[in-house]
Amino acid sequence: IRSGGRTNYADSVKGRFTISRDTAKNTVYLQMNSLKPEDTAVYYCNEK
């Protein structure tokens, strides 16, 4: 998610995951729906 709110997703998660942010809480979220076994992983965030 960019500072202006624009988002992009990997094809493998498009339509299932949603990234969002709460600037006041200094927090970024990832809503993950319709999870699949291939989503199994360690998930990290970073400033990019």
ModelCIF file with pLDDT and N, C-alpha, C, O atoms, coordinates in Angstrom:
data_MODEL
#
_entry.id   MODEL 
#
_entity.id                         1 
_entity.type                       polymer 
_entity.pdbx_number_of_molecules   1 
#
_entity_poly.entity_id                      1 
_entity_poly.type                           'polypeptide(L)' 
_entity_poly.nstd_linkage                   no 
_entity_poly.nstd_monomer                   no 
_entity_poly.pdbx_seq_one_letter_code       IRSGGRTNYADSVKGRFTISRDTAKNTVYLQMNSLKPEDTAVYYCNEK 
_entity_poly.pdbx_seq_one_letter_code_can   IRSGGRTNYADSVKGRFTISRDTAKNTVYLQMNSLKPEDTAVYYCNEK 
_entity_poly.pdbx_strand_id                 A 
#
loop_
_entity_poly_seq.entity_id 
_entity_poly_seq.num 
_entity_poly_seq.mon_id 
_entity_poly_seq.hetero 
1 1  ILE n 
1 2  ARG n 
1 3  SER n 
1 4  GLY n 
1 5  GLY n 
1 6  ARG n 
1 7  THR n 
1 8  ASN n 
1 9  TYR n 
1 10 ALA n 
1 11 ASP n 
1 12 SER n 
1 13 VAL n 
1 14 LYS n 
1 15 GLY n 
1 16 ARG n 
1 17 PHE n 
1 18 THR n 
1 19 ILE n 
1 20 SER n 
1 21 ARG n 
1 22 ASP n 
1 23 THR n 
1 24 ALA n 
1 25 LYS n 
1 26 ASN n 
1 27 THR n 
1 28 VAL n 
1 29 TYR n 
1 30 LEU n 
1 31 GLN n 
1 32 MET n 
1 33 ASN n 
1 34 SER n 
1 35 LEU n 
1 36 LYS n 
1 37 PRO n 
1 38 GLU n 
1 39 ASP n 
1 40 THR n 
1 41 ALA n 
1 42 VAL n 
1 43 TYR n 
1 44 TYR n 
1 45 CYS n 
1 46 ASN n 
1 47 GLU n 
1 48 LYS n 
#
_struct_asym.id          A 
_struct_asym.entity_id   1 
#
loop_
_ma_qa_metric.id 
_ma_qa_metric.mode 
_ma_qa_metric.name 
_ma_qa_metric.software_group_id 
_ma_qa_metric.type 
1 global pLDDT . pLDDT 
2 local  pLDDT . pLDDT 
#
_ma_qa_metric_global.metric_id      1 
_ma_qa_metric_global.metric_value   95.50 
_ma_qa_metric_global.model_id       1 
_ma_qa_metric_global.ordinal_id     1 
#
loop_
_ma_qa_metric_local.label_asym_id 
_ma_qa_metric_local.label_comp_id 
_ma_qa_metric_local.label_seq_id 
_ma_qa_metric_local.metric_id 
_ma_qa_metric_local.metric_value 
_ma_qa_metric_local.model_id 
_ma_qa_metric_local.ordinal_id 
A ILE 1  2 96.00 1 1  
A ARG 2  2 94.00 1 2  
A SER 3  2 88.00 1 3  
A GLY 4  2 90.00 1 4  
A GLY 5  2 92.00 1 5  
A ARG 6  2 95.00 1 6  
A THR 7  2 97.00 1 7  
A ASN 8  2 96.00 1 8  
A TYR 9  2 98.00 1 9  
A ALA 10 2 98.00 1 10 
A ASP 11 2 98.00 1 11 
A SER 12 2 98.00 1 12 
A VAL 13 2 98.00 1 13 
A LYS 14 2 98.00 1 14 
A GLY 15 2 98.00 1 15 
A ARG 16 2 98.00 1 16 
A PHE 17 2 98.00 1 17 
A THR 18 2 98.00 1 18 
A ILE 19 2 98.00 1 19 
A SER 20 2 96.00 1 20 
A ARG 21 2 93.00 1 21 
A ASP 22 2 91.00 1 22 
A THR 23 2 84.00 1 23 
A ALA 24 2 84.00 1 24 
A LYS 25 2 87.00 1 25 
A ASN 26 2 88.00 1 26 
A THR 27 2 93.00 1 27 
A VAL 28 2 95.00 1 28 
A TYR 29 2 97.00 1 29 
A LEU 30 2 98.00 1 30 
A GLN 31 2 98.00 1 31 
A MET 32 2 98.00 1 32 
A ASN 33 2 98.00 1 33 
A SER 34 2 98.00 1 34 
A LEU 35 2 98.00 1 35 
A LYS 36 2 98.00 1 36 
A PRO 37 2 98.00 1 37 
A GLU 38 2 97.00 1 38 
A ASP 39 2 98.00 1 39 
A THR 40 2 98.00 1 40 
A ALA 41 2 98.00 1 41 
A VAL 42 2 98.00 1 42 
A TYR 43 2 98.00 1 43 
A TYR 44 2 98.00 1 44 
A CYS 45 2 97.00 1 45 
A ASN 46 2 96.00 1 46 
A GLU 47 2 94.00 1 47 
A LYS 48 2 94.00 1 48 
#
loop_
_atom_site.group_PDB 
_atom_site.id 
_atom_site.type_symbol 
_atom_site.label_atom_id 
_atom_site.label_alt_id 
_atom_site.label_comp_id 
_atom_site.label_asym_id 
_atom_site.label_entity_id 
_atom_site.label_seq_id 
_atom_site.pdbx_PDB_ins_code 
_atom_site.Cartn_x 
_atom_site.Cartn_y 
_atom_site.Cartn_z 
_atom_site.occupancy 
_atom_site.B_iso_or_equiv 
_atom_site.pdbx_formal_charge 
_atom_site.auth_seq_id 
_atom_site.auth_comp_id 
_atom_site.auth_asym_id 
_atom_site.auth_atom_id 
_atom_site.pdbx_PDB_model_num 
ATOM 1   N N  . ILE A 1 1  ? 0.851   -1.180  0.000  1.00 96.00 ? 1  ILE A N  1 
ATOM 2   C CA . ILE A 1 1  ? 0.000   0.000   0.000  1.00 96.00 ? 1  ILE A CA 1 
ATOM 3   C C  . ILE A 1 1  ? 0.889   1.231   0.000  1.00 96.00 ? 1  ILE A C  1 
ATOM 4   O O  . ILE A 1 1  ? 1.816   1.338   0.803  1.00 96.00 ? 1  ILE A O  1 
ATOM 5   N N  . ARG A 1 2  ? 0.605   2.150   -0.894 1.00 94.00 ? 2  ARG A N  1 
ATOM 6   C CA . ARG A 1 2  ? 1.373   3.381   -1.006 1.00 94.00 ? 2  ARG A CA 1 
ATOM 7   C C  . ARG A 1 2  ? 0.806   4.442   -0.081 1.00 94.00 ? 2  ARG A C  1 
ATOM 8   O O  . ARG A 1 2  ? -0.287  4.292   0.465  1.00 94.00 ? 2  ARG A O  1 
ATOM 9   N N  . SER A 1 3  ? 1.564   5.518   0.088  1.00 88.00 ? 3  SER A N  1 
ATOM 10  C CA . SER A 1 3  ? 1.145   6.584   0.986  1.00 88.00 ? 3  SER A CA 1 
ATOM 11  C C  . SER A 1 3  ? -0.175  7.205   0.560  1.00 88.00 ? 3  SER A C  1 
ATOM 12  O O  . SER A 1 3  ? -0.943  7.670   1.401  1.00 88.00 ? 3  SER A O  1 
ATOM 13  N N  . GLY A 1 4  ? -0.446  7.215   -0.743 1.00 90.00 ? 4  GLY A N  1 
ATOM 14  C CA . GLY A 1 4  ? -1.693  7.742   -1.250 1.00 90.00 ? 4  GLY A CA 1 
ATOM 15  C C  . GLY A 1 4  ? -2.851  6.768   -1.206 1.00 90.00 ? 4  GLY A C  1 
ATOM 16  O O  . GLY A 1 4  ? -3.967  7.115   -1.592 1.00 90.00 ? 4  GLY A O  1 
ATOM 17  N N  . GLY A 1 5  ? -2.602  5.548   -0.739 1.00 92.00 ? 5  GLY A N  1 
ATOM 18  C CA . GLY A 1 5  ? -3.648  4.567   -0.589 1.00 92.00 ? 5  GLY A CA 1 
ATOM 19  C C  . GLY A 1 5  ? -3.753  3.544   -1.706 1.00 92.00 ? 5  GLY A C  1 
ATOM 20  O O  . GLY A 1 5  ? -4.526  2.592   -1.595 1.00 92.00 ? 5  GLY A O  1 
ATOM 21  N N  . ARG A 1 6  ? -3.000  3.719   -2.771 1.00 95.00 ? 6  ARG A N  1 
ATOM 22  C CA . ARG A 1 6  ? -3.031  2.742   -3.848 1.00 95.00 ? 6  ARG A CA 1 
ATOM 23  C C  . ARG A 1 6  ? -2.427  1.424   -3.400 1.00 95.00 ? 6  ARG A C  1 
ATOM 24  O O  . ARG A 1 6  ? -1.447  1.402   -2.656 1.00 95.00 ? 6  ARG A O  1 
ATOM 25  N N  . THR A 1 7  ? -3.007  0.337   -3.850 1.00 97.00 ? 7  THR A N  1 
ATOM 26  C CA . THR A 1 7  ? -2.592  -0.989  -3.429 1.00 97.00 ? 7  THR A CA 1 
ATOM 27  C C  . THR A 1 7  ? -2.248  -1.864  -4.623 1.00 97.00 ? 7  THR A C  1 
ATOM 28  O O  . THR A 1 7  ? -2.687  -1.615  -5.746 1.00 97.00 ? 7  THR A O  1 
ATOM 29  N N  . ASN A 1 8  ? -1.455  -2.891  -4.360 1.00 96.00 ? 8  ASN A N  1 
ATOM 30  C CA . ASN A 1 8  ? -1.224  -3.923  -5.347 1.00 96.00 ? 8  ASN A CA 1 
ATOM 31  C C  . ASN A 1 8  ? -1.046  -5.250  -4.624 1.00 96.00 ? 8  ASN A C  1 
ATOM 32  O O  . ASN A 1 8  ? -0.666  -5.294  -3.454 1.00 96.00 ? 8  ASN A O  1 
ATOM 33  N N  . TYR A 1 9  ? -1.329  -6.331  -5.349 1.00 98.00 ? 9  TYR A N  1 
ATOM 34  C CA . TYR A 1 9  ? -1.329  -7.664  -4.772 1.00 98.00 ? 9  TYR A CA 1 
ATOM 35  C C  . TYR A 1 9  ? -0.680  -8.651  -5.722 1.00 98.00 ? 9  TYR A C  1 
ATOM 36  O O  . TYR A 1 9  ? -0.744  -8.503  -6.943 1.00 98.00 ? 9  TYR A O  1 
ATOM 37  N N  . ALA A 1 10 ? -0.060  -9.652  -5.142 1.00 98.00 ? 10 ALA A N  1 
ATOM 38  C CA . ALA A 1 10 ? 0.385   -10.774 -5.940 1.00 98.00 ? 10 ALA A CA 1 
ATOM 39  C C  . ALA A 1 10 ? -0.826  -11.493 -6.518 1.00 98.00 ? 10 ALA A C  1 
ATOM 40  O O  . ALA A 1 10 ? -1.886  -11.548 -5.894 1.00 98.00 ? 10 ALA A O  1 
ATOM 41  N N  . ASP A 1 11 ? -0.660  -12.036 -7.701 1.00 98.00 ? 11 ASP A N  1 
ATOM 42  C CA . ASP A 1 11 ? -1.774  -12.730 -8.346 1.00 98.00 ? 11 ASP A CA 1 
ATOM 43  C C  . ASP A 1 11 ? -2.332  -13.856 -7.475 1.00 98.00 ? 11 ASP A C  1 
ATOM 44  O O  . ASP A 1 11 ? -3.530  -14.138 -7.506 1.00 98.00 ? 11 ASP A O  1 
ATOM 45  N N  . SER A 1 12 ? -1.464  -14.490 -6.708 1.00 98.00 ? 12 SER A N  1 
ATOM 46  C CA . SER A 1 12 ? -1.879  -15.628 -5.907 1.00 98.00 ? 12 SER A CA 1 
ATOM 47  C C  . SER A 1 12 ? -2.840  -15.267 -4.784 1.00 98.00 ? 12 SER A C  1 
ATOM 48  O O  . SER A 1 12 ? -3.548  -16.137 -4.276 1.00 98.00 ? 12 SER A O  1 
ATOM 49  N N  . VAL A 1 13 ? -2.876  -13.997 -4.385 1.00 98.00 ? 13 VAL A N  1 
ATOM 50  C CA . VAL A 1 13 ? -3.732  -13.582 -3.278 1.00 98.00 ? 13 VAL A CA 1 
ATOM 51  C C  . VAL A 1 13 ? -4.791  -12.575 -3.694 1.00 98.00 ? 13 VAL A C  1 
ATOM 52  O O  . VAL A 1 13 ? -5.641  -12.207 -2.884 1.00 98.00 ? 13 VAL A O  1 
ATOM 53  N N  . LYS A 1 14 ? -4.756  -12.129 -4.923 1.00 98.00 ? 14 LYS A N  1 
ATOM 54  C CA . LYS A 1 14 ? -5.686  -11.113 -5.389 1.00 98.00 ? 14 LYS A CA 1 
ATOM 55  C C  . LYS A 1 14 ? -7.127  -11.600 -5.239 1.00 98.00 ? 14 LYS A C  1 
ATOM 56  O O  . LYS A 1 14 ? -7.466  -12.718 -5.626 1.00 98.00 ? 14 LYS A O  1 
ATOM 57  N N  . GLY A 1 15 ? -7.948  -10.747 -4.679 1.00 98.00 ? 15 GLY A N  1 
ATOM 58  C CA . GLY A 1 15 ? -9.338  -11.096 -4.440 1.00 98.00 ? 15 GLY A CA 1 
ATOM 59  C C  . GLY A 1 15 ? -9.589  -11.763 -3.110 1.00 98.00 ? 15 GLY A C  1 
ATOM 60  O O  . GLY A 1 15 ? -10.740 -11.907 -2.699 1.00 98.00 ? 15 GLY A O  1 
ATOM 61  N N  . ARG A 1 16 ? -8.532  -12.175 -2.424 1.00 98.00 ? 16 ARG A N  1 
ATOM 62  C CA . ARG A 1 16 ? -8.666  -12.834 -1.128 1.00 98.00 ? 16 ARG A CA 1 
ATOM 63  C C  . ARG A 1 16 ? -8.070  -12.024 0.016  1.00 98.00 ? 16 ARG A C  1 
ATOM 64  O O  . ARG A 1 16 ? -8.587  -12.053 1.133  1.00 98.00 ? 16 ARG A O  1 
ATOM 65  N N  . PHE A 1 17 ? -6.990  -11.303 -0.255 1.00 98.00 ? 17 PHE A N  1 
ATOM 66  C CA . PHE A 1 17 ? -6.297  -10.518 0.772  1.00 98.00 ? 17 PHE A CA 1 
ATOM 67  C C  . PHE A 1 17 ? -6.548  -9.034  0.542  1.00 98.00 ? 17 PHE A C  1 
ATOM 68  O O  . PHE A 1 17 ? -6.696  -8.586  -0.595 1.00 98.00 ? 17 PHE A O  1 
ATOM 69  N N  . THR A 1 18 ? -6.593  -8.280  1.632  1.00 98.00 ? 18 THR A N  1 
ATOM 70  C CA . THR A 1 18 ? -6.747  -6.838  1.565  1.00 98.00 ? 18 THR A CA 1 
ATOM 71  C C  . THR A 1 18 ? -5.770  -6.177  2.524  1.00 98.00 ? 18 THR A C  1 
ATOM 72  O O  . THR A 1 18 ? -5.758  -6.484  3.716  1.00 98.00 ? 18 THR A O  1 
ATOM 73  N N  . ILE A 1 19 ? -4.953  -5.272  2.006  1.00 98.00 ? 19 ILE A N  1 
ATOM 74  C CA . ILE A 1 19 ? -4.031  -4.520  2.835  1.00 98.00 ? 19 ILE A CA 1 
ATOM 75  C C  . ILE A 1 19 ? -4.655  -3.166  3.162  1.00 98.00 ? 19 ILE A C  1 
ATOM 76  O O  . ILE A 1 19 ? -5.295  -2.547  2.312  1.00 98.00 ? 19 ILE A O  1 
ATOM 77  N N  . SER A 1 20 ? -4.466  -2.718  4.383  1.00 96.00 ? 20 SER A N  1 
ATOM 78  C CA . SER A 1 20 ? -4.988  -1.430  4.807  1.00 96.00 ? 20 SER A CA 1 
ATOM 79  C C  . SER A 1 20 ? -4.060  -0.839  5.856  1.00 96.00 ? 20 SER A C  1 
ATOM 80  O O  . SER A 1 20 ? -3.129  -1.497  6.318  1.00 96.00 ? 20 SER A O  1 
ATOM 81  N N  . ARG A 1 21 ? -4.318  0.390   6.221  1.00 93.00 ? 21 ARG A N  1 
ATOM 82  C CA . ARG A 1 21 ? -3.470  1.058   7.205  1.00 93.00 ? 21 ARG A CA 1 
ATOM 83  C C  . ARG A 1 21 ? -4.294  1.953   8.104  1.00 93.00 ? 21 ARG A C  1 
ATOM 84  O O  . ARG A 1 21 ? -5.369  2.423   7.729  1.00 93.00 ? 21 ARG A O  1 
ATOM 85  N N  . ASP A 1 22 ? -3.774  2.180   9.296  1.00 91.00 ? 22 ASP A N  1 
ATOM 86  C CA . ASP A 1 22 ? -4.351  3.110   10.248 1.00 91.00 ? 22 ASP A CA 1 
ATOM 87  C C  . ASP A 1 22 ? -3.210  4.014   10.677 1.00 91.00 ? 22 ASP A C  1 
ATOM 88  O O  . ASP A 1 22 ? -2.409  3.655   11.540 1.00 91.00 ? 22 ASP A O  1 
ATOM 89  N N  . THR A 1 23 ? -3.143  5.176   10.076 1.00 84.00 ? 23 THR A N  1 
ATOM 90  C CA . THR A 1 23 ? -2.027  6.077   10.322 1.00 84.00 ? 23 THR A CA 1 
ATOM 91  C C  . THR A 1 23 ? -1.952  6.501   11.787 1.00 84.00 ? 23 THR A C  1 
ATOM 92  O O  . THR A 1 23 ? -0.861  6.603   12.348 1.00 84.00 ? 23 THR A O  1 
ATOM 93  N N  . ALA A 1 24 ? -3.103  6.749   12.407 1.00 84.00 ? 24 ALA A N  1 
ATOM 94  C CA . ALA A 1 24 ? -3.129  7.183   13.797 1.00 84.00 ? 24 ALA A CA 1 
ATOM 95  C C  . ALA A 1 24 ? -2.526  6.140   14.725 1.00 84.00 ? 24 ALA A C  1 
ATOM 96  O O  . ALA A 1 24 ? -1.895  6.490   15.722 1.00 84.00 ? 24 ALA A O  1 
ATOM 97  N N  . LYS A 1 25 ? -2.712  4.875   14.412 1.00 87.00 ? 25 LYS A N  1 
ATOM 98  C CA . LYS A 1 25 ? -2.173  3.788   15.221 1.00 87.00 ? 25 LYS A CA 1 
ATOM 99  C C  . LYS A 1 25 ? -0.818  3.305   14.723 1.00 87.00 ? 25 LYS A C  1 
ATOM 100 O O  . LYS A 1 25 ? -0.219  2.409   15.319 1.00 87.00 ? 25 LYS A O  1 
ATOM 101 N N  . ASN A 1 26 ? -0.335  3.891   13.637 1.00 88.00 ? 26 ASN A N  1 
ATOM 102 C CA . ASN A 1 26 ? 0.942   3.498   13.050 1.00 88.00 ? 26 ASN A CA 1 
ATOM 103 C C  . ASN A 1 26 ? 0.978   2.000   12.760 1.00 88.00 ? 26 ASN A C  1 
ATOM 104 O O  . ASN A 1 26 ? 1.966   1.319   13.034 1.00 88.00 ? 26 ASN A O  1 
ATOM 105 N N  . THR A 1 27 ? -0.114  1.513   12.203 1.00 93.00 ? 27 THR A N  1 
ATOM 106 C CA . THR A 1 27 ? -0.312  0.080   12.011 1.00 93.00 ? 27 THR A CA 1 
ATOM 107 C C  . THR A 1 27 ? -0.790  -0.206  10.599 1.00 93.00 ? 27 THR A C  1 
ATOM 108 O O  . THR A 1 27 ? -1.589  0.541   10.034 1.00 93.00 ? 27 THR A O  1 
ATOM 109 N N  . VAL A 1 28 ? -0.292  -1.295  10.041 1.00 95.00 ? 28 VAL A N  1 
ATOM 110 C CA . VAL A 1 28 ? -0.729  -1.800  8.745  1.00 95.00 ? 28 VAL A CA 1 
ATOM 111 C C  . VAL A 1 28 ? -1.345  -3.176  8.966  1.00 95.00 ? 28 VAL A C  1 
ATOM 112 O O  . VAL A 1 28 ? -0.854  -3.963  9.774  1.00 95.00 ? 28 VAL A O  1 
ATOM 113 N N  . TYR A 1 29 ? -2.409  -3.455  8.253  1.00 97.00 ? 29 TYR A N  1 
ATOM 114 C CA . TYR A 1 29 ? -3.140  -4.705  8.418  1.00 97.00 ? 29 TYR A CA 1 
ATOM 115 C C  . TYR A 1 29 ? -3.143  -5.504  7.123  1.00 97.00 ? 29 TYR A C  1 
ATOM 116 O O  . TYR A 1 29 ? -2.994  -4.960  6.029  1.00 97.00 ? 29 TYR A O  1 
ATOM 117 N N  . LEU A 1 30 ? -3.316  -6.796  7.280  1.00 98.00 ? 30 LEU A N  1 
ATOM 118 C CA . LEU A 1 30 ? -3.558  -7.674  6.145  1.00 98.00 ? 30 LEU A CA 1 
ATOM 119 C C  . LEU A 1 30 ? -4.727  -8.577  6.491  1.00 98.00 ? 30 LEU A C  1 
ATOM 120 O O  . LEU A 1 30 ? -4.598  -9.495  7.300  1.00 98.00 ? 30 LEU A O  1 
ATOM 121 N N  . GLN A 1 31 ? -5.866  -8.312  5.875  1.00 98.00 ? 31 GLN A N  1 
ATOM 122 C CA . GLN A 1 31 ? -7.031  -9.168  6.030  1.00 98.00 ? 31 GLN A CA 1 
ATOM 123 C C  . GLN A 1 31 ? -6.914  -10.312 5.039  1.00 98.00 ? 31 GLN A C  1 
ATOM 124 O O  . GLN A 1 31 ? -6.798  -10.087 3.834  1.00 98.00 ? 31 GLN A O  1 
ATOM 125 N N  . MET A 1 32 ? -6.945  -11.523 5.537  1.00 98.00 ? 32 MET A N  1 
ATOM 126 C CA . MET A 1 32 ? -6.731  -12.715 4.734  1.00 98.00 ? 32 MET A CA 1 
ATOM 127 C C  . MET A 1 32 ? -7.989  -13.565 4.793  1.00 98.00 ? 32 MET A C  1 
ATOM 128 O O  . MET A 1 32 ? -8.336  -14.100 5.846  1.00 98.00 ? 32 MET A O  1 
ATOM 129 N N  . ASN A 1 33 ? -8.663  -13.687 3.672  1.00 98.00 ? 33 ASN A N  1 
ATOM 130 C CA . ASN A 1 33 ? -9.882  -14.481 3.576  1.00 98.00 ? 33 ASN A CA 1 
ATOM 131 C C  . ASN A 1 33 ? -9.669  -15.657 2.638  1.00 98.00 ? 33 ASN A C  1 
ATOM 132 O O  . ASN A 1 33 ? -8.724  -15.680 1.850  1.00 98.00 ? 33 ASN A O  1 
ATOM 133 N N  . SER A 1 34 ? -10.562 -16.628 2.735  1.00 98.00 ? 34 SER A N  1 
ATOM 134 C CA . SER A 1 34 ? -10.521 -17.808 1.868  1.00 98.00 ? 34 SER A CA 1 
ATOM 135 C C  . SER A 1 34 ? -9.129  -18.423 1.836  1.00 98.00 ? 34 SER A C  1 
ATOM 136 O O  . SER A 1 34 ? -8.588  -18.713 0.770  1.00 98.00 ? 34 SER A O  1 
ATOM 137 N N  . LEU A 1 35 ? -8.569  -18.614 3.003  1.00 98.00 ? 35 LEU A N  1 
ATOM 138 C CA . LEU A 1 35 ? -7.194  -19.088 3.099  1.00 98.00 ? 35 LEU A CA 1 
ATOM 139 C C  . LEU A 1 35 ? -7.048  -20.494 2.534  1.00 98.00 ? 35 LEU A C  1 
ATOM 140 O O  . LEU A 1 35 ? -7.939  -21.335 2.657  1.00 98.00 ? 35 LEU A O  1 
ATOM 141 N N  . LYS A 1 36 ? -5.905  -20.719 1.917  1.00 98.00 ? 36 LYS A N  1 
ATOM 142 C CA . LYS A 1 36 ? -5.563  -21.988 1.304  1.00 98.00 ? 36 LYS A CA 1 
ATOM 143 C C  . LYS A 1 36 ? -4.317  -22.556 1.965  1.00 98.00 ? 36 LYS A C  1 
ATOM 144 O O  . LYS A 1 36 ? -3.529  -21.799 2.532  1.00 98.00 ? 36 LYS A O  1 
ATOM 145 N N  . PRO A 1 37 ? -4.120  -23.865 1.908  1.00 98.00 ? 37 PRO A N  1 
ATOM 146 C CA . PRO A 1 37 ? -2.899  -24.432 2.489  1.00 98.00 ? 37 PRO A CA 1 
ATOM 147 C C  . PRO A 1 37 ? -1.626  -23.809 1.925  1.00 98.00 ? 37 PRO A C  1 
ATOM 148 O O  . PRO A 1 37 ? -0.636  -23.692 2.647  1.00 98.00 ? 37 PRO A O  1 
ATOM 149 N N  . GLU A 1 38 ? -1.627  -23.410 0.671  1.00 97.00 ? 38 GLU A N  1 
ATOM 150 C CA . GLU A 1 38 ? -0.447  -22.802 0.084  1.00 97.00 ? 38 GLU A CA 1 
ATOM 151 C C  . GLU A 1 38 ? -0.155  -21.403 0.610  1.00 97.00 ? 38 GLU A C  1 
ATOM 152 O O  . GLU A 1 38 ? 0.888   -20.831 0.293  1.00 97.00 ? 38 GLU A O  1 
ATOM 153 N N  . ASP A 1 39 ? -1.058  -20.843 1.410  1.00 98.00 ? 39 ASP A N  1 
ATOM 154 C CA . ASP A 1 39 ? -0.790  -19.580 2.084  1.00 98.00 ? 39 ASP A CA 1 
ATOM 155 C C  . ASP A 1 39 ? 0.055   -19.766 3.340  1.00 98.00 ? 39 ASP A C  1 
ATOM 156 O O  . ASP A 1 39 ? 0.484   -18.783 3.944  1.00 98.00 ? 39 ASP A O  1 
ATOM 157 N N  . THR A 1 40 ? 0.296   -20.990 3.732  1.00 98.00 ? 40 THR A N  1 
ATOM 158 C CA . THR A 1 40 ? 1.086   -21.269 4.924  1.00 98.00 ? 40 THR A CA 1 
ATOM 159 C C  . THR A 1 40 ? 2.490   -20.696 4.768  1.00 98.00 ? 40 THR A C  1 
ATOM 160 O O  . THR A 1 40 ? 3.196   -21.020 3.813  1.00 98.00 ? 40 THR A O  1 
ATOM 161 N N  . ALA A 1 41 ? 2.890   -19.849 5.703  1.00 98.00 ? 41 ALA A N  1 
ATOM 162 C CA . ALA A 1 41 ? 4.177   -19.170 5.633  1.00 98.00 ? 41 ALA A CA 1 
ATOM 163 C C  . ALA A 1 41 ? 4.345   -18.317 6.879  1.00 98.00 ? 41 ALA A C  1 
ATOM 164 O O  . ALA A 1 41 ? 3.410   -18.139 7.661  1.00 98.00 ? 41 ALA A O  1 
ATOM 165 N N  . VAL A 1 42 ? 5.549   -17.795 7.050  1.00 98.00 ? 42 VAL A N  1 
ATOM 166 C CA . VAL A 1 42 ? 5.778   -16.732 8.009  1.00 98.00 ? 42 VAL A CA 1 
ATOM 167 C C  . VAL A 1 42 ? 5.566   -15.413 7.275  1.00 98.00 ? 42 VAL A C  1 
ATOM 168 O O  . VAL A 1 42 ? 6.142   -15.184 6.212  1.00 98.00 ? 42 VAL A O  1 
ATOM 169 N N  . TYR A 1 43 ? 4.748   -14.562 7.845  1.00 98.00 ? 43 TYR A N  1 
ATOM 170 C CA . TYR A 1 43 ? 4.400   -13.298 7.226  1.00 98.00 ? 43 TYR A CA 1 
ATOM 171 C C  . TYR A 1 43 ? 5.137   -12.149 7.904  1.00 98.00 ? 43 TYR A C  1 
ATOM 172 O O  . TYR A 1 43 ? 5.196   -12.066 9.130  1.00 98.00 ? 43 TYR A O  1 
ATOM 173 N N  . TYR A 1 44 ? 5.692   -11.274 7.089  1.00 98.00 ? 44 TYR A N  1 
ATOM 174 C CA . TYR A 1 44 ? 6.466   -10.135 7.550  1.00 98.00 ? 44 TYR A CA 1 
ATOM 175 C C  . TYR A 1 44 ? 5.927   -8.855  6.924  1.00 98.00 ? 44 TYR A C  1 
ATOM 176 O O  . TYR A 1 44 ? 5.318   -8.885  5.855  1.00 98.00 ? 44 TYR A O  1 
ATOM 177 N N  . CYS A 1 45 ? 6.153   -7.743  7.593  1.00 97.00 ? 45 CYS A N  1 
ATOM 178 C CA . CYS A 1 45 ? 5.892   -6.455  6.988  1.00 97.00 ? 45 CYS A CA 1 
ATOM 179 C C  . CYS A 1 45 ? 7.188   -5.675  6.886  1.00 97.00 ? 45 CYS A C  1 
ATOM 180 O O  . CYS A 1 45 ? 8.156   -5.964  7.589  1.00 97.00 ? 45 CYS A O  1 
ATOM 181 N N  . ASN A 1 46 ? 7.201   -4.689  6.010  1.00 96.00 ? 46 ASN A N  1 
ATOM 182 C CA . ASN A 1 46 ? 8.358   -3.823  5.896  1.00 96.00 ? 46 ASN A CA 1 
ATOM 183 C C  . ASN A 1 46 ? 7.976   -2.555  5.151  1.00 96.00 ? 46 ASN A C  1 
ATOM 184 O O  . ASN A 1 46 ? 7.009   -2.517  4.389  1.00 96.00 ? 46 ASN A O  1 
ATOM 185 N N  . GLU A 1 47 ? 8.758   -1.534  5.394  1.00 94.00 ? 47 GLU A N  1 
ATOM 186 C CA . GLU A 1 47 ? 8.676   -0.289  4.659  1.00 94.00 ? 47 GLU A CA 1 
ATOM 187 C C  . GLU A 1 47 ? 9.454   -0.481  3.360  1.00 94.00 ? 47 GLU A C  1 
ATOM 188 O O  . GLU A 1 47 ? 10.602  -0.926  3.389  1.00 94.00 ? 47 GLU A O  1 
ATOM 189 N N  . LYS A 1 48 ? 8.852   -0.156  2.236  1.00 94.00 ? 48 LYS A N  1 
ATOM 190 C CA . LYS A 1 48 ? 9.473   -0.426  0.954  1.00 94.00 ? 48 LYS A CA 1 
ATOM 191 C C  . LYS A 1 48 ? 9.369   0.750   0.011  1.00 94.00 ? 48 LYS A C  1 
ATOM 192 O O  . LYS A 1 48 ? 9.849   0.679   -1.120 1.00 94.00 ? 48 LYS A O  1 
#
